Amino acid sequence: MAEREYVWTDEGLNDARRNKVELDEVAQALYAPSGLRFERRIGDVLLVVMGMADSARVVAVLCDRVETTTTYKIVAARALGGPELDEWRRRVS
């Protein structure tokens, strides 16, 4: 499988800023090793990647695939907490 490329959208940048998530935390979550990353597809084009950043926060990134390519637009990002963080822990262990 070809490696994915992720590109920021204005919507994604604004969402990360609003949720107080640093851009490098998003990149670290997207490329976290498989033992620290969990992915969930939503339909044919949406992908949620939840990964551990160097800050020790688990960041969820919502991505929208660009047509039939391996490029995904980052449309949202936020740190996980509560039950979502518990689910991430179960999935990666």
C-alpha atoms as a PDB file:
ATOM      1  CA  MET A   1       0.000   0.000   0.000  1.00  0.00           C
ATOM      2  CA  ALA A   2       1.291   3.458  -0.906  1.00  0.00           C
ATOM      3  CA  GLU A   3       2.041   5.816   1.929  1.00  0.00           C
ATOM      4  CA  ARG A   4      -0.613   8.424   2.569  1.00  0.00           C
ATOM      5  CA  GLU A   5      -0.058  12.117   2.134  1.00  0.00           C
ATOM      6  CA  TYR A   6      -1.870  14.496   4.460  1.00  0.00           C
ATOM      7  CA  VAL A   7      -2.574  18.131   3.577  1.00  0.00           C
ATOM      8  CA  TRP A   8      -4.056  20.836   5.773  1.00  0.00           C
ATOM      9  CA  THR A   9      -7.274  22.634   4.918  1.00  0.00           C
ATOM     10  CA  ASP A  10      -8.235  26.027   6.332  1.00  0.00           C
ATOM     11  CA  GLU A  11     -11.063  24.242   8.141  1.00  0.00           C
ATOM     12  CA  GLY A  12      -8.613  21.773   9.689  1.00  0.00           C
ATOM     13  CA  LEU A  13      -6.192  24.502  10.763  1.00  0.00           C
ATOM     14  CA  ASN A  14      -9.005  26.492  12.371  1.00  0.00           C
ATOM     15  CA  ASP A  15     -10.377  23.409  14.122  1.00  0.00           C
ATOM     16  CA  ALA A  16      -6.962  22.443  15.530  1.00  0.00           C
ATOM     17  CA  ARG A  17      -6.410  25.990  16.748  1.00  0.00           C
ATOM     18  CA  ARG A  18      -9.896  26.122  18.315  1.00  0.00           C
ATOM     19  CA  ASN A  19      -9.230  22.800  20.080  1.00  0.00           C
ATOM     20  CA  LYS A  20      -5.749  23.896  21.217  1.00  0.00           C
ATOM     21  CA  VAL A  21      -3.972  21.144  19.291  1.00  0.00           C
ATOM     22  CA  GLU A  22      -0.522  21.975  17.932  1.00  0.00           C
ATOM     23  CA  LEU A  23       0.187  21.217  14.275  1.00  0.00           C
ATOM     24  CA  ASP A  24       3.159  19.019  15.143  1.00  0.00           C
ATOM     25  CA  GLU A  25       0.934  17.002  17.516  1.00  0.00           C
ATOM     26  CA  VAL A  26      -1.318  16.246  14.540  1.00  0.00           C
ATOM     27  CA  ALA A  27       1.625  15.113  12.403  1.00  0.00           C
ATOM     28  CA  GLN A  28       2.938  12.941  15.251  1.00  0.00           C
ATOM     29  CA  ALA A  29      -0.498  11.344  15.718  1.00  0.00           C
ATOM     30  CA  LEU A  30      -0.865  10.647  11.991  1.00  0.00           C
ATOM     31  CA  TYR A  31       2.529   8.947  11.768  1.00  0.00           C
ATOM     32  CA  ALA A  32       2.620   7.318  15.220  1.00  0.00           C
ATOM     33  CA  PRO A  33       3.759   3.675  15.174  1.00  0.00           C
ATOM     34  CA  SER A  34       0.972   1.125  14.852  1.00  0.00           C
ATOM     35  CA  GLY A  35       1.097   0.274  18.579  1.00  0.00           C
ATOM     36  CA  LEU A  36       0.260   3.917  19.364  1.00  0.00           C
ATOM     37  CA  ARG A  37      -2.179   4.572  16.501  1.00  0.00           C
ATOM     38  CA  PHE A  38      -5.701   3.375  15.729  1.00  0.00           C
ATOM     39  CA  GLU A  39      -7.599   4.109  12.526  1.00  0.00           C
ATOM     40  CA  ARG A  40     -11.299   3.982  11.737  1.00  0.00           C
ATOM     41  CA  ARG A  41     -12.814   4.405   8.279  1.00  0.00           C
ATOM     42  CA  ILE A  42     -16.160   6.133   7.917  1.00  0.00           C
ATOM     43  CA  GLY A  43     -17.674   5.266   4.570  1.00  0.00           C
ATOM     44  CA  ASP A  44     -15.516   5.405   1.461  1.00  0.00           C
ATOM     45  CA  VAL A  45     -13.744   8.727   1.941  1.00  0.00           C
ATOM     46  CA  LEU A  46     -13.480   9.638   5.627  1.00  0.00           C
ATOM     47  CA  LEU A  47     -10.744   8.386   7.917  1.00  0.00           C
ATOM     48  CA  VAL A  48     -10.210   9.043  11.621  1.00  0.00           C
ATOM     49  CA  VAL A  49      -6.657   8.517  12.854  1.00  0.00           C
ATOM     50  CA  MET A  50      -6.114   8.506  16.620  1.00  0.00           C
ATOM     51  CA  GLY A  51      -2.482   8.529  17.664  1.00  0.00           C
ATOM     52  CA  MET A  52      -0.144   9.408  20.484  1.00  0.00           C
ATOM     53  CA  ALA A  53       1.794  12.661  20.112  1.00  0.00           C
ATOM     54  CA  ASP A  54       5.145  13.391  21.765  1.00  0.00           C
ATOM     55  CA  SER A  55       3.208  15.611  24.201  1.00  0.00           C
ATOM     56  CA  ALA A  56       1.649  12.362  25.566  1.00  0.00           C
ATOM     57  CA  ARG A  57      -1.769  13.486  24.347  1.00  0.00           C
ATOM     58  CA  VAL A  58      -3.797  11.226  22.077  1.00  0.00           C
ATOM     59  CA  VAL A  59      -4.983  13.270  19.121  1.00  0.00           C
ATOM     60  CA  ALA A  60      -7.861  12.352  16.811  1.00  0.00           C
ATOM     61  CA  VAL A  61      -7.567  13.622  13.246  1.00  0.00           C
ATOM     62  CA  LEU A  62     -10.500  13.571  10.814  1.00  0.00           C
ATOM     63  CA  CYS A  63      -9.353  13.244   7.209  1.00  0.00           C
ATOM     64  CA  ASP A  64     -11.239  13.392   3.913  1.00  0.00           C
ATOM     65  CA  ARG A  65      -9.738  11.434   0.997  1.00  0.00           C
ATOM     66  CA  VAL A  66      -9.088  13.349  -2.221  1.00  0.00           C
ATOM     67  CA  GLU A  67     -10.930  11.342  -4.881  1.00  0.00           C
ATOM     68  CA  THR A  68      -9.197   7.981  -5.500  1.00  0.00           C
ATOM     69  CA  THR A  69      -5.710   9.089  -4.421  1.00  0.00           C
ATOM     70  CA  THR A  70      -3.685   8.370  -1.300  1.00  0.00           C
ATOM     71  CA  THR A  71      -3.942  12.056  -0.344  1.00  0.00           C
ATOM     72  CA  TYR A  72      -6.151  13.034   2.583  1.00  0.00           C
ATOM     73  CA  LYS A  73      -7.277  16.524   3.606  1.00  0.00           C
ATOM     74  CA  ILE A  74      -7.118  17.225   7.341  1.00  0.00           C
ATOM     75  CA  VAL A  75     -10.497  18.704   8.276  1.00  0.00           C
ATOM     76  CA  ALA A  76     -10.515  18.433  12.098  1.00  0.00           C
ATOM     77  CA  ALA A  77      -8.230  17.642  15.029  1.00  0.00           C
ATOM     78  CA  ARG A  78      -8.728  17.404  18.773  1.00  0.00           C
ATOM     79  CA  ALA A  79      -7.275  15.705  21.816  1.00  0.00           C
ATOM     80  CA  LEU A  80      -9.138  12.650  23.090  1.00  0.00           C
ATOM     81  CA  GLY A  81     -10.453  12.367  26.619  1.00  0.00           C
ATOM     82  CA  GLY A  82     -12.890  10.378  28.719  1.00  0.00           C
ATOM     83  CA  PRO A  83     -14.575   7.355  27.122  1.00  0.00           C
ATOM     84  CA  GLU A  84     -12.924   8.004  23.744  1.00  0.00           C
ATOM     85  CA  LEU A  85      -9.483   7.835  25.314  1.00  0.00           C
ATOM     86  CA  ASP A  86     -10.485   4.619  27.107  1.00  0.00           C
ATOM     87  CA  GLU A  87     -11.574   3.133  23.762  1.00  0.00           C
ATOM     88  CA  TRP A  88      -8.241   4.130  22.173  1.00  0.00           C
ATOM     89  CA  ARG A  89      -6.369   2.428  25.013  1.00  0.00           C
ATOM     90  CA  ARG A  90      -8.348  -0.792  24.480  1.00  0.00           C
ATOM     91  CA  ARG A  91      -7.788  -0.712  20.712  1.00  0.00           C
ATOM     92  CA  VAL A  92      -4.019  -0.211  20.788  1.00  0.00           C
ATOM     93  CA  SER A  93      -3.234  -2.637  23.605  1.00  0.00           C
END
